[in-house]
Amino acid sequence: MDDSPSPPDAHPALPGTASAGIVAYHPDPAELARLVERVAPDVREVVVFANSDLDEAVEGRLSASASPTLLTVIRPGGNVGLGAAYDAFVARAQAAGDRHLLILDQDSLPPPAAVPRLAAILGSVSAAGERPAAIGPRPVDAAGRPIAIARHRSPGPAALEGTATRASFIISSGSLVDLVAAAAIGPFRADFFIDAIDLEWCFRADASGFSVWVADEIRMDHRLGRGTIALPFGLRPTDQPPRRLYTFLRNQIAMLRLPHVPLAHKAKTLATLPLRIPVYLLRNRFSRDCRVAILDGLRDGIANRLGPPDRTARAAIRPPSAGSTD
């Protein structure tokens, strides 16, 4: 008997069946308004999760950009991280009866009509017999170069070739989440705060019988940290400030003990961390903040001490921006 979940119904998202959630942290008001204006026509509601102060004047500008689509601002009263924001988006969308949720951060700008286009491809994936949990656009960097995706060991049906690529994981920003699948997979890891939240959720989706996909022909501008560091053998790790190094190292090590994380990913983590650490030290000129971030990230990851960085790492490390994607 097959106990795996049934594939969700295949149908494109229309206004009234999807919502969009944007995580903001000290955003540029003009860029945030442009993002709201871009996605509002395709969704029932745009929800902005303000992980920093967002004054009423900015909220008014965002409401005008969204009109006639409803715009709601959630103010948690502080920086609670990305996972908590994603979970709030999911809960609100499910309560409203939405079928899909578009997750975004302020550093991304999807193309026009991204929601119906992604939903249509998601429907094709489902119709091909797959169980899609989410689909994202192909992210490109500031120079327009496609950012590499991690292809899944199972390529998926040949009928989807050129339309969608099955991935081991996708970045959260720009992803269209199927809320029926999300209910079966479970919440995002709020205790990760930032970094690897999308990675862990995608691995859990795969272990639960679902899959995640990248839409081959839909591109989205996206910034990764401070860019990437070019290394030999084609390696390009994300260039992160010390405050992000802490959560990156901590969460990657914490995932080593999770049974649903693939052995291949665990092996890659163990093999590459000893190479990454000296690169980050050199990049940050062996600064005290960098050394503290690395040591505390290793310590807390091994101890499985998670949660907001201001309650775990030493005070020398400022909390990371939770308006940027993993």
C-alpha atoms as a PDB file:
ATOM      1  CA  MET A   1       0.000   0.000   0.000  1.00  0.00           C
ATOM      2  CA  ASP A   2       1.339   3.439  -0.989  1.00  0.00           C
ATOM      3  CA  ASP A   3       1.197   5.763   2.027  1.00  0.00           C
ATOM      4  CA  SER A   4       2.798   8.709   0.211  1.00  0.00           C
ATOM      5  CA  PRO A   5       0.694  11.885  -0.122  1.00  0.00           C
ATOM      6  CA  SER A   6      -1.530  12.332  -3.130  1.00  0.00           C
ATOM      7  CA  PRO A   7      -0.476  14.977  -5.666  1.00  0.00           C
ATOM      8  CA  PRO A   8      -2.145  18.349  -5.141  1.00  0.00           C
ATOM      9  CA  ASP A   9      -4.756  19.393  -7.694  1.00  0.00           C
ATOM     10  CA  ALA A  10      -3.229  21.048 -10.758  1.00  0.00           C
ATOM     11  CA  HIS A  11      -4.540  24.530 -11.419  1.00  0.00           C
ATOM     12  CA  PRO A  12      -2.946  27.943 -11.878  1.00  0.00           C
ATOM     13  CA  ALA A  13      -3.183  30.591  -9.202  1.00  0.00           C
ATOM     14  CA  LEU A  14      -5.587  33.436  -9.833  1.00  0.00           C
ATOM     15  CA  PRO A  15      -6.227  36.559  -7.756  1.00  0.00           C
ATOM     16  CA  GLY A  16      -8.081  35.351  -4.695  1.00  0.00           C
ATOM     17  CA  THR A  17      -6.298  31.981  -4.511  1.00  0.00           C
ATOM     18  CA  ALA A  18      -2.767  33.161  -3.749  1.00  0.00           C
ATOM     19  CA  SER A  19      -1.108  35.637  -1.437  1.00  0.00           C
ATOM     20  CA  ALA A  20       2.383  37.109  -1.271  1.00  0.00           C
ATOM     21  CA  GLY A  21       4.557  37.541   1.806  1.00  0.00           C
ATOM     22  CA  ILE A  22       7.536  39.912   1.882  1.00  0.00           C
ATOM     23  CA  VAL A  23      10.056  39.977   4.730  1.00  0.00           C
ATOM     24  CA  ALA A  24      11.452  43.467   5.329  1.00  0.00           C
ATOM     25  CA  TYR A  25      14.379  44.644   7.447  1.00  0.00           C
ATOM     26  CA  HIS A  26      15.343  48.331   7.161  1.00  0.00           C
ATOM     27  CA  PRO A  27      14.174  48.309   3.531  1.00  0.00           C
ATOM     28  CA  ASP A  28      14.637  50.994   0.927  1.00  0.00           C
ATOM     29  CA  PRO A  29      11.050  52.356   0.727  1.00  0.00           C
ATOM     30  CA  ALA A  30      11.204  52.918  -3.037  1.00  0.00           C
ATOM     31  CA  GLU A  31      12.502  49.410  -3.766  1.00  0.00           C
ATOM     32  CA  LEU A  32       9.967  47.832  -1.431  1.00  0.00           C
ATOM     33  CA  ALA A  33       7.143  49.810  -3.055  1.00  0.00           C
ATOM     34  CA  ARG A  34       8.312  48.644  -6.486  1.00  0.00           C
ATOM     35  CA  LEU A  35       8.285  45.025  -5.302  1.00  0.00           C
ATOM     36  CA  VAL A  36       4.785  45.392  -3.844  1.00  0.00           C
ATOM     37  CA  GLU A  37       3.542  46.983  -7.064  1.00  0.00           C
ATOM     38  CA  ARG A  38       5.034  44.146  -9.105  1.00  0.00           C
ATOM     39  CA  VAL A  39       3.341  41.266  -7.253  1.00  0.00           C
ATOM     40  CA  ALA A  40       0.062  42.865  -6.123  1.00  0.00           C
ATOM     41  CA  PRO A  41      -1.938  42.344  -9.363  1.00  0.00           C
ATOM     42  CA  ASP A  42      -1.542  38.562  -9.137  1.00  0.00           C
ATOM     43  CA  VAL A  43      -2.506  37.915  -5.517  1.00  0.00           C
ATOM     44  CA  ARG A  44      -5.365  38.330  -3.086  1.00  0.00           C
ATOM     45  CA  GLU A  45      -3.220  40.023  -0.441  1.00  0.00           C
ATOM     46  CA  VAL A  46       0.328  41.285   0.009  1.00  0.00           C
ATOM     47  CA  VAL A  47       1.655  40.808   3.551  1.00  0.00           C
ATOM     48  CA  VAL A  48       4.769  42.681   4.676  1.00  0.00           C
ATOM     49  CA  PHE A  49       6.462  41.226   7.750  1.00  0.00           C
ATOM     50  CA  ALA A  50       8.406  44.105   9.298  1.00  0.00           C
ATOM     51  CA  ASN A  51      11.429  42.768  11.161  1.00  0.00           C
ATOM     52  CA  SER A  52      12.383  46.398  11.786  1.00  0.00           C
ATOM     53  CA  ASP A  53      10.439  49.602  12.313  1.00  0.00           C
ATOM     54  CA  LEU A  54       8.194  50.537   9.395  1.00  0.00           C
ATOM     55  CA  ASP A  55       6.553  53.916   9.856  1.00  0.00           C
ATOM     56  CA  GLU A  56       3.022  54.791   8.828  1.00  0.00           C
ATOM     57  CA  ALA A  57       4.156  56.951   5.912  1.00  0.00           C
ATOM     58  CA  VAL A  58       5.964  53.994   4.351  1.00  0.00           C
ATOM     59  CA  GLU A  59       2.975  51.742   5.016  1.00  0.00           C
ATOM     60  CA  GLY A  60       0.741  54.263   3.256  1.00  0.00           C
ATOM     61  CA  ARG A  61       3.058  54.287   0.269  1.00  0.00           C
ATOM     62  CA  LEU A  62       3.020  50.497   0.135  1.00  0.00           C
ATOM     63  CA  SER A  63      -0.775  50.403   0.351  1.00  0.00           C
ATOM     64  CA  ALA A  64      -0.977  52.810  -2.576  1.00  0.00           C
ATOM     65  CA  SER A  65       1.433  50.632  -4.557  1.00  0.00           C
ATOM     66  CA  ALA A  66      -0.660  47.533  -3.867  1.00  0.00           C
ATOM     67  CA  SER A  67      -4.074  49.094  -4.558  1.00  0.00           C
ATOM     68  CA  PRO A  68      -6.625  47.709  -5.168  1.00  0.00           C
ATOM     69  CA  THR A  69      -5.032  44.588  -3.658  1.00  0.00           C
ATOM     70  CA  LEU A  70      -5.148  44.430   0.131  1.00  0.00           C
ATOM     71  CA  LEU A  71      -1.847  45.195   1.881  1.00  0.00           C
ATOM     72  CA  THR A  72      -1.236  44.124   5.475  1.00  0.00           C
ATOM     73  CA  VAL A  73       1.797  44.886   7.634  1.00  0.00           C
ATOM     74  CA  ILE A  74       2.704  42.490  10.448  1.00  0.00           C
ATOM     75  CA  ARG A  75       4.829  44.049  13.176  1.00  0.00           C
ATOM     76  CA  PRO A  76       6.271  41.395  15.519  1.00  0.00           C
ATOM     77  CA  GLY A  77       7.898  44.021  17.721  1.00  0.00           C
ATOM     78  CA  GLY A  78      11.474  43.167  16.839  1.00  0.00           C
ATOM     79  CA  ASN A  79      13.646  41.089  14.555  1.00  0.00           C
ATOM     80  CA  VAL A  80      12.309  37.538  14.919  1.00  0.00           C
ATOM     81  CA  GLY A  81      13.983  36.112  11.823  1.00  0.00           C
ATOM     82  CA  LEU A  82      12.924  34.591   8.536  1.00  0.00           C
ATOM     83  CA  GLY A  83      11.458  31.291   9.704  1.00  0.00           C
ATOM     84  CA  ALA A  84       8.948  32.993  11.997  1.00  0.00           C
ATOM     85  CA  ALA A  85       7.955  35.312   9.146  1.00  0.00           C
ATOM     86  CA  TYR A  86       7.438  32.433   6.703  1.00  0.00           C
ATOM     87  CA  ASP A  87       5.324  30.561   9.230  1.00  0.00           C
ATOM     88  CA  ALA A  88       3.184  33.666   9.768  1.00  0.00           C
ATOM     89  CA  PHE A  89       2.652  33.957   6.006  1.00  0.00           C
ATOM     90  CA  VAL A  90       1.648  30.303   5.724  1.00  0.00           C
ATOM     91  CA  ALA A  91      -0.771  30.475   8.658  1.00  0.00           C
ATOM     92  CA  ARG A  92      -2.433  33.627   7.339  1.00  0.00           C
ATOM     93  CA  ALA A  93      -2.758  32.269   3.799  1.00  0.00           C
ATOM     94  CA  GLN A  94      -4.149  28.938   4.974  1.00  0.00           C
ATOM     95  CA  ALA A  95      -6.688  30.680   7.217  1.00  0.00           C
ATOM     96  CA  ALA A  96      -7.868  32.694   4.205  1.00  0.00           C
ATOM     97  CA  GLY A  97      -8.245  29.567   2.076  1.00  0.00           C
ATOM     98  CA  ASP A  98      -5.433  30.402  -0.336  1.00  0.00           C
ATOM     99  CA  ARG A  99      -3.914  27.634  -2.403  1.00  0.00           C
ATOM    100  CA  HIS A 100      -0.499  29.177  -3.020  1.00  0.00           C
ATOM    101  CA  LEU A 101       1.897  31.517  -1.225  1.00  0.00           C
ATOM    102  CA  LEU A 102       4.640  33.546  -2.892  1.00  0.00           C
ATOM    103  CA  ILE A 103       7.538  34.161  -0.472  1.00  0.00           C
ATOM    104  CA  LEU A 104       9.823  37.127  -1.100  1.00  0.00           C
ATOM    105  CA  ASP A 105      12.459  39.207   0.565  1.00  0.00           C
ATOM    106  CA  GLN A 106      13.231  42.822  -0.178  1.00  0.00           C
ATOM    107  CA  ASP A 107      16.333  41.944  -2.249  1.00  0.00           C
ATOM    108  CA  SER A 108      14.380  40.136  -4.963  1.00  0.00           C
ATOM    109  CA  LEU A 109      12.278  41.323  -7.880  1.00  0.00           C
ATOM    110  CA  PRO A 110      10.305  38.636  -9.721  1.00  0.00           C
ATOM    111  CA  PRO A 111       9.232  39.220 -13.328  1.00  0.00           C
ATOM    112  CA  PRO A 112       5.699  40.432 -14.106  1.00  0.00           C
ATOM    113  CA  ALA A 113       2.969  37.796 -13.723  1.00  0.00           C
ATOM    114  CA  ALA A 114       5.335  35.489 -11.841  1.00  0.00           C
ATOM    115  CA  VAL A 115       2.561  33.989  -9.714  1.00  0.00           C
ATOM    116  CA  PRO A 116       0.289  32.704 -12.510  1.00  0.00           C
ATOM    117  CA  ARG A 117       3.290  31.598 -14.560  1.00  0.00           C
ATOM    118  CA  LEU A 118       4.829  29.660 -11.674  1.00  0.00           C
ATOM    119  CA  ALA A 119       1.454  28.214 -10.709  1.00  0.00           C
ATOM    120  CA  ALA A 120       0.824  27.014 -14.263  1.00  0.00           C
ATOM    121  CA  ILE A 121       4.156  25.167 -14.286  1.00  0.00           C
ATOM    122  CA  LEU A 122       3.437  23.800 -10.824  1.00  0.00           C
ATOM    123  CA  GLY A 123       0.202  22.440 -12.259  1.00  0.00           C
ATOM    124  CA  SER A 124       2.081  20.800 -15.131  1.00  0.00           C
ATOM    125  CA  VAL A 125       4.478  19.183 -12.669  1.00  0.00           C
ATOM    126  CA  SER A 126       1.546  17.845 -10.669  1.00  0.00           C
ATOM    127  CA  ALA A 127      -0.210  16.613 -13.814  1.00  0.00           C
ATOM    128  CA  ALA A 128       2.955  14.682 -14.711  1.00  0.00           C
ATOM    129  CA  GLY A 129       2.502  12.624 -11.548  1.00  0.00           C
ATOM    130  CA  GLU A 130       4.874  14.516  -9.277  1.00  0.00           C
ATOM    131  CA  ARG A 131       4.059  15.897  -5.827  1.00  0.00           C
ATOM    132  CA  PRO A 132       5.408  19.460  -5.931  1.00  0.00           C
ATOM    133  CA  ALA A 133       5.741  21.388  -2.694  1.00  0.00           C
ATOM    134  CA  ALA A 134       7.159  24.558  -4.228  1.00  0.00           C
ATOM    135  CA  ILE A 135       8.587  26.021  -7.399  1.00  0.00           C
ATOM    136  CA  GLY A 136      10.894  28.980  -7.814  1.00  0.00           C
ATOM    137  CA  PRO A 137      12.228  31.076 -10.679  1.00  0.00           C
ATOM    138  CA  ARG A 138      15.800  30.702 -11.867  1.00  0.00           C
ATOM    139  CA  PRO A 139      17.705  33.298  -9.802  1.00  0.00           C
ATOM    140  CA  VAL A 140      20.251  35.487 -11.587  1.00  0.00           C
ATOM    141  CA  ASP A 141      22.937  37.705 -10.079  1.00  0.00           C
ATOM    142  CA  ALA A 142      23.484  41.436 -10.604  1.00  0.00           C
ATOM    143  CA  ALA A 143      25.319  40.728 -13.863  1.00  0.00           C
ATOM    144  CA  GLY A 144      22.428  38.641 -15.181  1.00  0.00           C
ATOM    145  CA  ARG A 145      24.276  35.348 -14.735  1.00  0.00           C
ATOM    146  CA  PRO A 146      22.112  32.409 -13.633  1.00  0.00           C
ATOM    147  CA  ILE A 147      22.917  31.256 -10.108  1.00  0.00           C
ATOM    148  CA  ALA A 148      23.675  27.532 -10.058  1.00  0.00           C
ATOM    149  CA  ILE A 149      20.946  25.234  -8.797  1.00  0.00           C
ATOM    150  CA  ALA A 150      21.392  21.907  -7.030  1.00  0.00           C
ATOM    151  CA  ARG A 151      19.776  19.333  -9.288  1.00  0.00           C
ATOM    152  CA  HIS A 152      18.004  16.436  -7.609  1.00  0.00           C
ATOM    153  CA  ARG A 153      19.364  12.936  -8.117  1.00  0.00           C
ATOM    154  CA  SER A 154      16.031  12.051  -9.766  1.00  0.00           C
ATOM    155  CA  PRO A 155      15.586  14.275 -12.850  1.00  0.00           C
ATOM    156  CA  GLY A 156      11.800  14.008 -13.077  1.00  0.00           C
ATOM    157  CA  PRO A 157       9.582  13.201 -16.085  1.00  0.00           C
ATOM    158  CA  ALA A 158      11.007  13.818 -19.559  1.00  0.00           C
ATOM    159  CA  ALA A 159       7.812  15.720 -20.411  1.00  0.00           C
ATOM    160  CA  LEU A 160       8.949  18.521 -18.106  1.00  0.00           C
ATOM    161  CA  GLU A 161      12.362  18.942 -19.753  1.00  0.00           C
ATOM    162  CA  GLY A 162      12.917  22.579 -20.675  1.00  0.00           C
ATOM    163  CA  THR A 163      10.004  23.673 -18.493  1.00  0.00           C
ATOM    164  CA  ALA A 164      10.983  22.766 -14.952  1.00  0.00           C
ATOM    165  CA  THR A 165      14.013  21.173 -13.318  1.00  0.00           C
ATOM    166  CA  ARG A 166      13.709  19.137 -10.160  1.00  0.00           C
ATOM    167  CA  ALA A 167      16.064  20.533  -7.533  1.00  0.00           C
ATOM    168  CA  SER A 168      17.403  19.291  -4.221  1.00  0.00           C
ATOM    169  CA  PHE A 169      16.456  22.668  -2.797  1.00  0.00           C
ATOM    170  CA  ILE A 170      15.440  26.151  -3.920  1.00  0.00           C
ATOM    171  CA  ILE A 171      15.935  29.530  -2.295  1.00  0.00           C
ATOM    172  CA  SER A 172      12.912  30.739  -0.388  1.00  0.00           C
ATOM    173  CA  SER A 173      12.680  34.158  -2.014  1.00  0.00           C
ATOM    174  CA  GLY A 174      10.618  33.951  -5.181  1.00  0.00           C
ATOM    175  CA  SER A 175       9.265  30.498  -4.391  1.00  0.00           C
ATOM    176  CA  LEU A 176       5.602  29.677  -4.850  1.00  0.00           C
ATOM    177  CA  VAL A 177       4.587  27.263  -2.101  1.00  0.00           C
ATOM    178  CA  ASP A 178       1.692  24.831  -2.418  1.00  0.00           C
ATOM    179  CA  LEU A 179      -0.133  25.265   0.873  1.00  0.00           C
ATOM    180  CA  VAL A 180      -1.651  21.769   0.824  1.00  0.00           C
ATOM    181  CA  ALA A 181       1.845  20.336   0.639  1.00  0.00           C
ATOM    182  CA  ALA A 182       3.095  22.803   3.261  1.00  0.00           C
ATOM    183  CA  ALA A 183       0.506  21.538   5.735  1.00  0.00           C
ATOM    184  CA  ALA A 184       1.869  18.006   5.336  1.00  0.00           C
ATOM    185  CA  ILE A 185       5.542  19.004   5.474  1.00  0.00           C
ATOM    186  CA  GLY A 186       5.268  21.188   8.550  1.00  0.00           C
ATOM    187  CA  PRO A 187       6.497  24.640   9.558  1.00  0.00           C
ATOM    188  CA  PHE A 188       9.740  26.349   8.687  1.00  0.00           C
ATOM    189  CA  ARG A 189      12.493  26.283  11.300  1.00  0.00           C
ATOM    190  CA  ALA A 190      11.996  29.532  13.207  1.00  0.00           C
ATOM    191  CA  ASP A 191      14.834  28.536  15.549  1.00  0.00           C
ATOM    192  CA  PHE A 192      17.295  28.740  12.641  1.00  0.00           C
ATOM    193  CA  PHE A 193      16.459  32.482  12.532  1.00  0.00           C
ATOM    194  CA  ILE A 194      18.180  32.938   9.164  1.00  0.00           C
ATOM    195  CA  ASP A 195      20.359  30.772   6.883  1.00  0.00           C
ATOM    196  CA  ALA A 196      19.519  27.246   5.679  1.00  0.00           C
ATOM    197  CA  ILE A 197      15.819  27.590   6.539  1.00  0.00           C
ATOM    198  CA  ASP A 198      14.813  26.933   2.939  1.00  0.00           C
ATOM    199  CA  LEU A 199      17.435  24.189   2.649  1.00  0.00           C
ATOM    200  CA  GLU A 200      16.149  22.248   5.663  1.00  0.00           C
ATOM    201  CA  TRP A 201      12.496  22.646   4.610  1.00  0.00           C
ATOM    202  CA  CYS A 202      13.225  21.374   1.089  1.00  0.00           C
ATOM    203  CA  PHE A 203      15.089  18.356   2.459  1.00  0.00           C
ATOM    204  CA  ARG A 204      12.142  17.655   4.757  1.00  0.00           C
ATOM    205  CA  ALA A 205       9.753  17.975   1.809  1.00  0.00           C
ATOM    206  CA  ASP A 206      11.783  15.426  -0.140  1.00  0.00           C
ATOM    207  CA  ALA A 207      11.797  13.022   2.809  1.00  0.00           C
ATOM    208  CA  SER A 208       8.005  13.422   3.041  1.00  0.00           C
ATOM    209  CA  GLY A 209       7.456  12.388  -0.577  1.00  0.00           C
ATOM    210  CA  PHE A 210       7.246  15.856  -2.123  1.00  0.00           C
ATOM    211  CA  SER A 211       9.557  17.654  -4.539  1.00  0.00           C
ATOM    212  CA  VAL A 212      10.764  21.181  -5.287  1.00  0.00           C
ATOM    213  CA  TRP A 213      11.352  22.663  -8.714  1.00  0.00           C
ATOM    214  CA  VAL A 214      12.952  25.513 -10.635  1.00  0.00           C
ATOM    215  CA  ALA A 215      11.099  27.088 -13.564  1.00  0.00           C
ATOM    216  CA  ASP A 216      13.670  27.033 -16.360  1.00  0.00           C
ATOM    217  CA  GLU A 217      12.467  30.063 -18.313  1.00  0.00           C
ATOM    218  CA  ILE A 218      11.385  32.352 -15.467  1.00  0.00           C
ATOM    219  CA  ARG A 219      14.281  34.473 -14.214  1.00  0.00           C
ATOM    220  CA  MET A 220      14.476  36.617 -11.079  1.00  0.00           C
ATOM    221  CA  ASP A 221      17.070  39.153  -9.986  1.00  0.00           C
ATOM    222  CA  HIS A 222      18.426  38.223  -6.575  1.00  0.00           C
ATOM    223  CA  ARG A 223      21.358  39.339  -4.418  1.00  0.00           C
ATOM    224  CA  LEU A 224      23.297  36.803  -2.350  1.00  0.00           C
ATOM    225  CA  GLY A 225      24.971  38.429   0.660  1.00  0.00           C
ATOM    226  CA  ARG A 226      27.808  40.697  -0.513  1.00  0.00           C
ATOM    227  CA  GLY A 227      28.233  38.656  -3.676  1.00  0.00           C
ATOM    228  CA  THR A 228      30.401  35.572  -4.070  1.00  0.00           C
ATOM    229  CA  ILE A 229      34.072  34.742  -3.559  1.00  0.00           C
ATOM    230  CA  ALA A 230      35.779  33.255  -6.624  1.00  0.00           C
ATOM    231  CA  LEU A 231      37.906  30.238  -5.688  1.00  0.00           C
ATOM    232  CA  PRO A 232      39.726  27.547  -7.672  1.00  0.00           C
ATOM    233  CA  PHE A 233      37.796  24.598  -9.161  1.00  0.00           C
ATOM    234  CA  GLY A 234      34.753  26.793  -9.818  1.00  0.00           C
ATOM    235  CA  LEU A 235      33.857  27.208  -6.151  1.00  0.00           C
ATOM    236  CA  ARG A 236      31.954  30.420  -5.391  1.00  0.00           C
ATOM    237  CA  PRO A 237      30.890  30.592  -1.729  1.00  0.00           C
ATOM    238  CA  THR A 238      28.641  33.466  -0.733  1.00  0.00           C
ATOM    239  CA  ASP A 239      30.539  36.409   0.737  1.00  0.00           C
ATOM    240  CA  GLN A 240      28.888  36.956   4.113  1.00  0.00           C
ATOM    241  CA  PRO A 241      29.605  39.480   6.868  1.00  0.00           C
ATOM    242  CA  PRO A 242      30.541  38.091  10.304  1.00  0.00           C
ATOM    243  CA  ARG A 243      26.995  38.306  11.652  1.00  0.00           C
ATOM    244  CA  ARG A 244      25.825  35.947   8.891  1.00  0.00           C
ATOM    245  CA  LEU A 245      28.796  33.617   9.243  1.00  0.00           C
ATOM    246  CA  TYR A 246      27.597  32.754  12.738  1.00  0.00           C
ATOM    247  CA  THR A 247      24.144  31.543  11.683  1.00  0.00           C
ATOM    248  CA  PHE A 248      25.511  29.908   8.533  1.00  0.00           C
ATOM    249  CA  LEU A 249      28.009  27.769  10.433  1.00  0.00           C
ATOM    250  CA  ARG A 250      25.688  27.086  13.353  1.00  0.00           C
ATOM    251  CA  ASN A 251      22.776  25.927  11.215  1.00  0.00           C
ATOM    252  CA  GLN A 252      24.848  23.850   8.804  1.00  0.00           C
ATOM    253  CA  ILE A 253      26.356  21.958  11.729  1.00  0.00           C
ATOM    254  CA  ALA A 254      22.953  21.607  13.407  1.00  0.00           C
ATOM    255  CA  MET A 255      21.603  19.954  10.246  1.00  0.00           C
ATOM    256  CA  LEU A 256      24.194  17.195  10.507  1.00  0.00           C
ATOM    257  CA  ARG A 257      22.086  15.542  13.205  1.00  0.00           C
ATOM    258  CA  LEU A 258      18.786  15.701  11.273  1.00  0.00           C
ATOM    259  CA  PRO A 259      17.790  12.308   9.814  1.00  0.00           C
ATOM    260  CA  HIS A 260      16.048  13.759   6.752  1.00  0.00           C
ATOM    261  CA  VAL A 261      19.107  15.702   5.566  1.00  0.00           C
ATOM    262  CA  PRO A 262      20.749  13.637   2.790  1.00  0.00           C
ATOM    263  CA  LEU A 263      24.055  11.965   3.560  1.00  0.00           C
ATOM    264  CA  ALA A 264      25.535  13.612   0.470  1.00  0.00           C
ATOM    265  CA  HIS A 265      24.814  17.053   1.891  1.00  0.00           C
ATOM    266  CA  LYS A 266      26.263  16.108   5.263  1.00  0.00           C
ATOM    267  CA  ALA A 267      29.410  14.816   3.591  1.00  0.00           C
ATOM    268  CA  LYS A 268      29.711  18.011   1.557  1.00  0.00           C
ATOM    269  CA  THR A 269      29.325  20.108   4.709  1.00  0.00           C
ATOM    270  CA  LEU A 270      32.036  18.176   6.526  1.00  0.00           C
ATOM    271  CA  ALA A 271      34.346  18.375   3.512  1.00  0.00           C
ATOM    272  CA  THR A 272      33.902  22.054   2.669  1.00  0.00           C
ATOM    273  CA  LEU A 273      33.679  23.761   6.061  1.00  0.00           C
ATOM    274  CA  PRO A 274      37.417  23.309   6.744  1.00  0.00           C
ATOM    275  CA  LEU A 275      38.027  25.001   3.374  1.00  0.00           C
ATOM    276  CA  ARG A 276      35.483  27.782   3.831  1.00  0.00           C
ATOM    277  CA  ILE A 277      36.624  28.891   7.287  1.00  0.00           C
ATOM    278  CA  PRO A 278      40.122  30.074   6.276  1.00  0.00           C
ATOM    279  CA  VAL A 279      38.631  31.766   3.211  1.00  0.00           C
ATOM    280  CA  TYR A 280      36.218  33.742   5.392  1.00  0.00           C
ATOM    281  CA  LEU A 281      39.002  34.612   7.840  1.00  0.00           C
ATOM    282  CA  LEU A 282      41.159  35.949   5.024  1.00  0.00           C
ATOM    283  CA  ARG A 283      38.234  37.774   3.436  1.00  0.00           C
ATOM    284  CA  ASN A 284      37.493  39.530   6.717  1.00  0.00           C
ATOM    285  CA  ARG A 285      41.195  40.121   7.502  1.00  0.00           C
ATOM    286  CA  PHE A 286      41.026  37.993  10.634  1.00  0.00           C
ATOM    287  CA  SER A 287      38.817  40.608  12.294  1.00  0.00           C
ATOM    288  CA  ARG A 288      37.677  39.978  15.846  1.00  0.00           C
ATOM    289  CA  ASP A 289      34.020  39.877  14.768  1.00  0.00           C
ATOM    290  CA  CYS A 290      34.817  37.213  12.180  1.00  0.00           C
ATOM    291  CA  ARG A 291      36.789  35.091  14.634  1.00  0.00           C
ATOM    292  CA  VAL A 292      34.035  35.352  17.248  1.00  0.00           C
ATOM    293  CA  ALA A 293      31.358  34.513  14.664  1.00  0.00           C
ATOM    294  CA  ILE A 294      33.172  31.395  13.499  1.00  0.00           C
ATOM    295  CA  LEU A 295      34.005  30.110  16.972  1.00  0.00           C
ATOM    296  CA  ASP A 296      30.516  30.761  18.324  1.00  0.00           C
ATOM    297  CA  GLY A 297      28.874  29.290  15.225  1.00  0.00           C
ATOM    298  CA  LEU A 298      30.879  26.091  15.572  1.00  0.00           C
ATOM    299  CA  ARG A 299      30.261  25.906  19.322  1.00  0.00           C
ATOM    300  CA  ASP A 300      26.517  26.514  19.177  1.00  0.00           C
ATOM    301  CA  GLY A 301      26.024  24.264  16.152  1.00  0.00           C
ATOM    302  CA  ILE A 302      27.708  21.359  17.925  1.00  0.00           C
ATOM    303  CA  ALA A 303      25.670  22.058  21.076  1.00  0.00           C
ATOM    304  CA  ASN A 304      22.479  22.447  18.996  1.00  0.00           C
ATOM    305  CA  ARG A 305      21.919  25.804  20.657  1.00  0.00           C
ATOM    306  CA  LEU A 306      19.645  27.600  18.237  1.00  0.00           C
ATOM    307  CA  GLY A 307      17.383  30.627  18.322  1.00  0.00           C
ATOM    308  CA  PRO A 308      17.952  34.362  17.767  1.00  0.00           C
ATOM    309  CA  PRO A 309      21.666  35.204  17.591  1.00  0.00           C
ATOM    310  CA  ASP A 310      21.354  37.916  20.234  1.00  0.00           C
ATOM    311  CA  ARG A 311      20.441  35.190  22.729  1.00  0.00           C
ATOM    312  CA  THR A 312      23.142  32.740  21.703  1.00  0.00           C
ATOM    313  CA  ALA A 313      26.197  34.377  20.157  1.00  0.00           C
ATOM    314  CA  ARG A 314      28.353  36.796  22.077  1.00  0.00           C
ATOM    315  CA  ALA A 315      27.308  40.441  22.070  1.00  0.00           C
ATOM    316  CA  ALA A 316      30.169  41.323  19.744  1.00  0.00           C
ATOM    317  CA  ILE A 317      28.160  39.929  16.841  1.00  0.00           C
ATOM    318  CA  ARG A 318      25.294  42.092  15.708  1.00  0.00           C
ATOM    319  CA  PRO A 319      22.076  40.210  14.841  1.00  0.00           C
ATOM    320  CA  PRO A 320      21.905  39.399  11.120  1.00  0.00           C
ATOM    321  CA  SER A 321      19.498  41.156   8.803  1.00  0.00           C
ATOM    322  CA  ALA A 322      16.366  39.026   8.633  1.00  0.00           C
ATOM    323  CA  GLY A 323      15.023  40.750   5.567  1.00  0.00           C
ATOM    324  CA  SER A 324      17.420  38.958   3.253  1.00  0.00           C
ATOM    325  CA  THR A 325      17.059  35.441   2.042  1.00  0.00           C
ATOM    326  CA  ASP A 326      18.990  32.419   3.167  1.00  0.00           C
END
